[in-house]
Amino acid sequence: MGLTLRGGQAAALAELAGRVERGESSLRQMIMGSGKTTVLTPALVARLADGERLVACVAPCLLYTSDAADEGLGVDLGGRRII
């Protein structure tokens, strides 16, 4: 994937993937800015999608549009453009 994971991200990825592979439920709380949306979620999906298992990731759209706001592109909130 071309990503370099920080130590905490690598540990979280290994823990979450291991739980899924063992059929266990998992919940993990992480602080803002730790790469949950842009690093861990895509890495976890890529790791779990092994050709036998279909992995779907569904996230609220505001998680992704907030990235656009960070880049100065603006965010559409209920028909109102926020720049």
N, C-alpha and C. Protein backbone atom coordinates (compact mmCIF):
# COMPACT_ATOMS: atom_id res chain seq x y z
N MET A 1 0.82 -1.20 0.00
CA MET A 1 0.00 0.00 0.00
C MET A 1 0.86 1.26 0.00
N GLY A 2 2.13 1.15 0.31
CA GLY A 2 2.98 2.32 0.30
C GLY A 2 2.85 3.19 1.53
N LEU A 3 2.36 2.65 2.63
CA LEU A 3 2.21 3.42 3.86
C LEU A 3 3.26 3.00 4.88
N THR A 4 3.69 3.97 5.66
CA THR A 4 4.54 3.67 6.80
C THR A 4 3.71 3.89 8.05
N LEU A 5 3.49 2.84 8.81
CA LEU A 5 2.66 2.93 10.00
C LEU A 5 3.50 3.31 11.20
N ARG A 6 2.94 4.13 12.07
CA ARG A 6 3.56 4.41 13.36
C ARG A 6 3.36 3.19 14.25
N GLY A 7 4.11 3.11 15.32
CA GLY A 7 4.04 1.95 16.21
C GLY A 7 2.64 1.66 16.72
N GLY A 8 1.94 2.70 17.17
CA GLY A 8 0.58 2.53 17.68
C GLY A 8 -0.39 2.10 16.60
N GLN A 9 -0.19 2.60 15.39
CA GLN A 9 -1.05 2.22 14.27
C GLN A 9 -0.83 0.75 13.91
N ALA A 10 0.42 0.33 13.87
CA ALA A 10 0.73 -1.06 13.54
C ALA A 10 0.13 -2.00 14.59
N ALA A 11 0.23 -1.63 15.86
CA ALA A 11 -0.33 -2.46 16.93
C ALA A 11 -1.84 -2.52 16.83
N ALA A 12 -2.48 -1.38 16.56
CA ALA A 12 -3.94 -1.35 16.43
C ALA A 12 -4.39 -2.19 15.24
N LEU A 13 -3.68 -2.08 14.13
CA LEU A 13 -4.03 -2.85 12.94
C LEU A 13 -3.91 -4.35 13.22
N ALA A 14 -2.84 -4.76 13.85
CA ALA A 14 -2.65 -6.18 14.17
C ALA A 14 -3.73 -6.67 15.13
N GLU A 15 -4.06 -5.86 16.14
CA GLU A 15 -5.09 -6.26 17.10
C GLU A 15 -6.45 -6.39 16.44
N LEU A 16 -6.84 -5.38 15.66
CA LEU A 16 -8.16 -5.41 15.02
C LEU A 16 -8.26 -6.54 14.01
N ALA A 17 -7.25 -6.72 13.18
CA ALA A 17 -7.27 -7.78 12.17
C ALA A 17 -7.30 -9.15 12.85
N GLY A 18 -6.54 -9.32 13.91
CA GLY A 18 -6.53 -10.59 14.63
C GLY A 18 -7.89 -10.93 15.21
N ARG A 19 -8.55 -9.94 15.76
CA ARG A 19 -9.88 -10.19 16.33
C ARG A 19 -10.88 -10.58 15.25
N VAL A 20 -10.83 -9.87 14.12
CA VAL A 20 -11.75 -10.21 13.02
C VAL A 20 -11.47 -11.62 12.52
N GLU A 21 -10.21 -11.94 12.34
CA GLU A 21 -9.84 -13.27 11.83
C GLU A 21 -10.23 -14.39 12.79
N ARG A 22 -10.30 -14.08 14.08
CA ARG A 22 -10.75 -15.07 15.07
C ARG A 22 -12.26 -15.05 15.26
N GLY A 23 -12.96 -14.17 14.55
CA GLY A 23 -14.42 -14.08 14.65
C GLY A 23 -14.90 -13.34 15.88
N GLU A 24 -14.05 -12.53 16.48
CA GLU A 24 -14.41 -11.77 17.68
C GLU A 24 -14.87 -10.36 17.30
N SER A 25 -15.73 -9.80 18.12
CA SER A 25 -16.11 -8.41 17.96
C SER A 25 -15.01 -7.53 18.53
N SER A 26 -14.96 -6.30 18.05
CA SER A 26 -13.91 -5.42 18.53
C SER A 26 -14.38 -3.98 18.53
N LEU A 27 -13.97 -3.27 19.52
CA LEU A 27 -14.22 -1.83 19.61
C LEU A 27 -12.95 -1.21 20.15
N ARG A 28 -12.50 -0.17 19.49
CA ARG A 28 -11.26 0.48 19.92
C ARG A 28 -11.45 1.99 19.84
N GLN A 29 -11.17 2.67 20.92
CA GLN A 29 -11.25 4.12 20.95
C GLN A 29 -9.87 4.70 20.69
N MET A 30 -9.80 5.66 19.77
CA MET A 30 -8.52 6.27 19.44
C MET A 30 -8.68 7.79 19.40
N ILE A 31 -7.61 8.49 19.67
CA ILE A 31 -7.68 9.94 19.69
C ILE A 31 -7.74 10.50 18.27
N MET A 32 -8.24 11.72 18.16
CA MET A 32 -8.32 12.39 16.87
C MET A 32 -6.90 12.60 16.33
N GLY A 33 -6.75 12.40 15.05
CA GLY A 33 -5.45 12.60 14.42
C GLY A 33 -4.55 11.39 14.43
N SER A 34 -5.08 10.25 14.84
CA SER A 34 -4.25 9.05 14.91
C SER A 34 -4.30 8.21 13.64
N GLY A 35 -4.98 8.69 12.61
CA GLY A 35 -5.00 7.98 11.33
C GLY A 35 -6.10 6.95 11.19
N LYS A 36 -7.17 7.09 11.95
CA LYS A 36 -8.26 6.10 11.89
C LYS A 36 -8.88 6.03 10.50
N THR A 37 -9.21 7.18 9.93
CA THR A 37 -9.93 7.22 8.66
C THR A 37 -9.01 7.05 7.47
N THR A 38 -7.87 7.71 7.48
CA THR A 38 -7.03 7.73 6.29
C THR A 38 -5.96 6.65 6.26
N VAL A 39 -5.65 6.04 7.40
CA VAL A 39 -4.58 5.03 7.43
C VAL A 39 -5.13 3.67 7.86
N LEU A 40 -5.68 3.59 9.07
CA LEU A 40 -6.07 2.29 9.62
C LEU A 40 -7.23 1.63 8.87
N THR A 41 -8.26 2.39 8.56
CA THR A 41 -9.41 1.78 7.88
C THR A 41 -9.02 1.19 6.53
N PRO A 42 -8.36 1.96 5.63
CA PRO A 42 -7.96 1.34 4.35
C PRO A 42 -6.99 0.17 4.53
N ALA A 43 -6.06 0.28 5.47
CA ALA A 43 -5.10 -0.80 5.69
C ALA A 43 -5.80 -2.06 6.21
N LEU A 44 -6.76 -1.89 7.11
CA LEU A 44 -7.50 -3.03 7.65
C LEU A 44 -8.34 -3.70 6.57
N VAL A 45 -9.00 -2.89 5.75
CA VAL A 45 -9.82 -3.44 4.66
C VAL A 45 -8.92 -4.20 3.68
N ALA A 46 -7.78 -3.63 3.33
CA ALA A 46 -6.87 -4.30 2.39
C ALA A 46 -6.33 -5.61 2.98
N ARG A 47 -6.05 -5.60 4.26
CA ARG A 47 -5.51 -6.81 4.90
C ARG A 47 -6.57 -7.92 4.98
N LEU A 48 -7.81 -7.55 5.25
CA LEU A 48 -8.86 -8.55 5.43
C LEU A 48 -9.44 -9.06 4.11
N ALA A 49 -9.37 -8.26 3.06
CA ALA A 49 -9.89 -8.68 1.75
C ALA A 49 -8.86 -9.62 1.12
N ASP A 50 -9.03 -10.90 1.32
CA ASP A 50 -8.01 -11.87 0.96
C ASP A 50 -8.35 -12.70 -0.28
N GLY A 51 -9.37 -12.31 -1.02
CA GLY A 51 -9.78 -13.09 -2.18
C GLY A 51 -10.88 -14.08 -1.87
N GLU A 52 -11.04 -14.43 -0.62
CA GLU A 52 -12.11 -15.31 -0.15
C GLU A 52 -13.18 -14.52 0.59
N ARG A 53 -12.80 -13.41 1.13
CA ARG A 53 -13.69 -12.61 1.98
C ARG A 53 -13.89 -11.24 1.34
N LEU A 54 -15.16 -10.83 1.23
CA LEU A 54 -15.50 -9.49 0.73
C LEU A 54 -15.59 -8.56 1.93
N VAL A 55 -14.87 -7.47 1.88
CA VAL A 55 -14.87 -6.50 2.97
C VAL A 55 -15.47 -5.20 2.45
N ALA A 56 -16.46 -4.71 3.15
CA ALA A 56 -17.09 -3.43 2.81
C ALA A 56 -16.90 -2.47 3.97
N CYS A 57 -16.56 -1.26 3.66
CA CYS A 57 -16.35 -0.23 4.67
C CYS A 57 -17.37 0.88 4.43
N VAL A 58 -18.18 1.17 5.43
CA VAL A 58 -19.17 2.22 5.32
C VAL A 58 -18.87 3.25 6.40
N ALA A 59 -18.70 4.49 6.01
CA ALA A 59 -18.40 5.56 6.96
C ALA A 59 -19.29 6.76 6.64
N PRO A 60 -19.67 7.51 7.66
CA PRO A 60 -20.45 8.73 7.40
C PRO A 60 -19.69 9.64 6.44
N CYS A 61 -20.42 10.25 5.52
CA CYS A 61 -19.76 11.06 4.49
C CYS A 61 -18.99 12.23 5.09
N LEU A 62 -19.40 12.75 6.22
CA LEU A 62 -18.69 13.89 6.78
C LEU A 62 -17.27 13.55 7.19
N LEU A 63 -16.97 12.29 7.44
CA LEU A 63 -15.59 11.92 7.73
C LEU A 63 -14.71 12.19 6.52
N TYR A 64 -15.25 11.97 5.33
CA TYR A 64 -14.46 12.18 4.14
C TYR A 64 -14.51 13.63 3.66
N THR A 65 -15.65 14.29 3.80
CA THR A 65 -15.72 15.67 3.35
C THR A 65 -14.93 16.59 4.26
N SER A 66 -14.66 16.17 5.50
CA SER A 66 -13.83 17.01 6.37
C SER A 66 -12.41 17.09 5.83
N ASP A 67 -11.97 16.05 5.11
CA ASP A 67 -10.66 16.12 4.47
C ASP A 67 -10.64 17.23 3.42
N ALA A 68 -11.76 17.38 2.70
CA ALA A 68 -11.85 18.44 1.71
C ALA A 68 -11.76 19.81 2.38
N ALA A 69 -12.35 19.95 3.55
CA ALA A 69 -12.28 21.21 4.27
C ALA A 69 -10.84 21.52 4.68
N ASP A 70 -10.12 20.49 5.09
CA ASP A 70 -8.72 20.67 5.46
C ASP A 70 -7.89 21.16 4.28
N GLU A 71 -8.28 20.75 3.09
CA GLU A 71 -7.54 21.14 1.89
C GLU A 71 -8.07 22.43 1.28
N GLY A 72 -9.03 23.07 1.96
CA GLY A 72 -9.57 24.34 1.47
C GLY A 72 -10.61 24.19 0.38
N LEU A 73 -11.14 22.99 0.20
CA LEU A 73 -12.12 22.77 -0.86
C LEU A 73 -13.54 23.04 -0.41
N GLY A 74 -13.77 23.10 0.90
CA GLY A 74 -15.11 23.36 1.42
C GLY A 74 -15.88 22.09 1.70
N VAL A 75 -16.96 22.25 2.46
CA VAL A 75 -17.80 21.13 2.85
C VAL A 75 -19.25 21.54 2.64
N ASP A 76 -20.04 20.63 2.11
CA ASP A 76 -21.47 20.87 1.92
C ASP A 76 -22.22 20.27 3.10
N LEU A 77 -22.79 21.07 3.95
CA LEU A 77 -23.56 20.60 5.10
C LEU A 77 -25.02 20.95 4.90
N GLY A 78 -25.80 19.99 4.49
CA GLY A 78 -27.23 20.22 4.33
C GLY A 78 -27.57 21.30 3.33
N GLY A 79 -26.87 21.34 2.22
CA GLY A 79 -27.15 22.33 1.20
C GLY A 79 -26.42 23.66 1.39
N ARG A 80 -25.69 23.79 2.48
CA ARG A 80 -24.92 25.03 2.72
C ARG A 80 -23.45 24.75 2.52
N ARG A 81 -22.84 25.50 1.68
CA ARG A 81 -21.40 25.30 1.40
C ARG A 81 -20.60 26.01 2.49
N ILE A 82 -19.80 25.24 3.20
CA ILE A 82 -18.95 25.78 4.27
C ILE A 82 -17.52 25.76 3.73
N ILE A 83 -16.89 26.90 3.73
CA ILE A 83 -15.52 26.99 3.18
C ILE A 83 -14.56 27.35 4.29
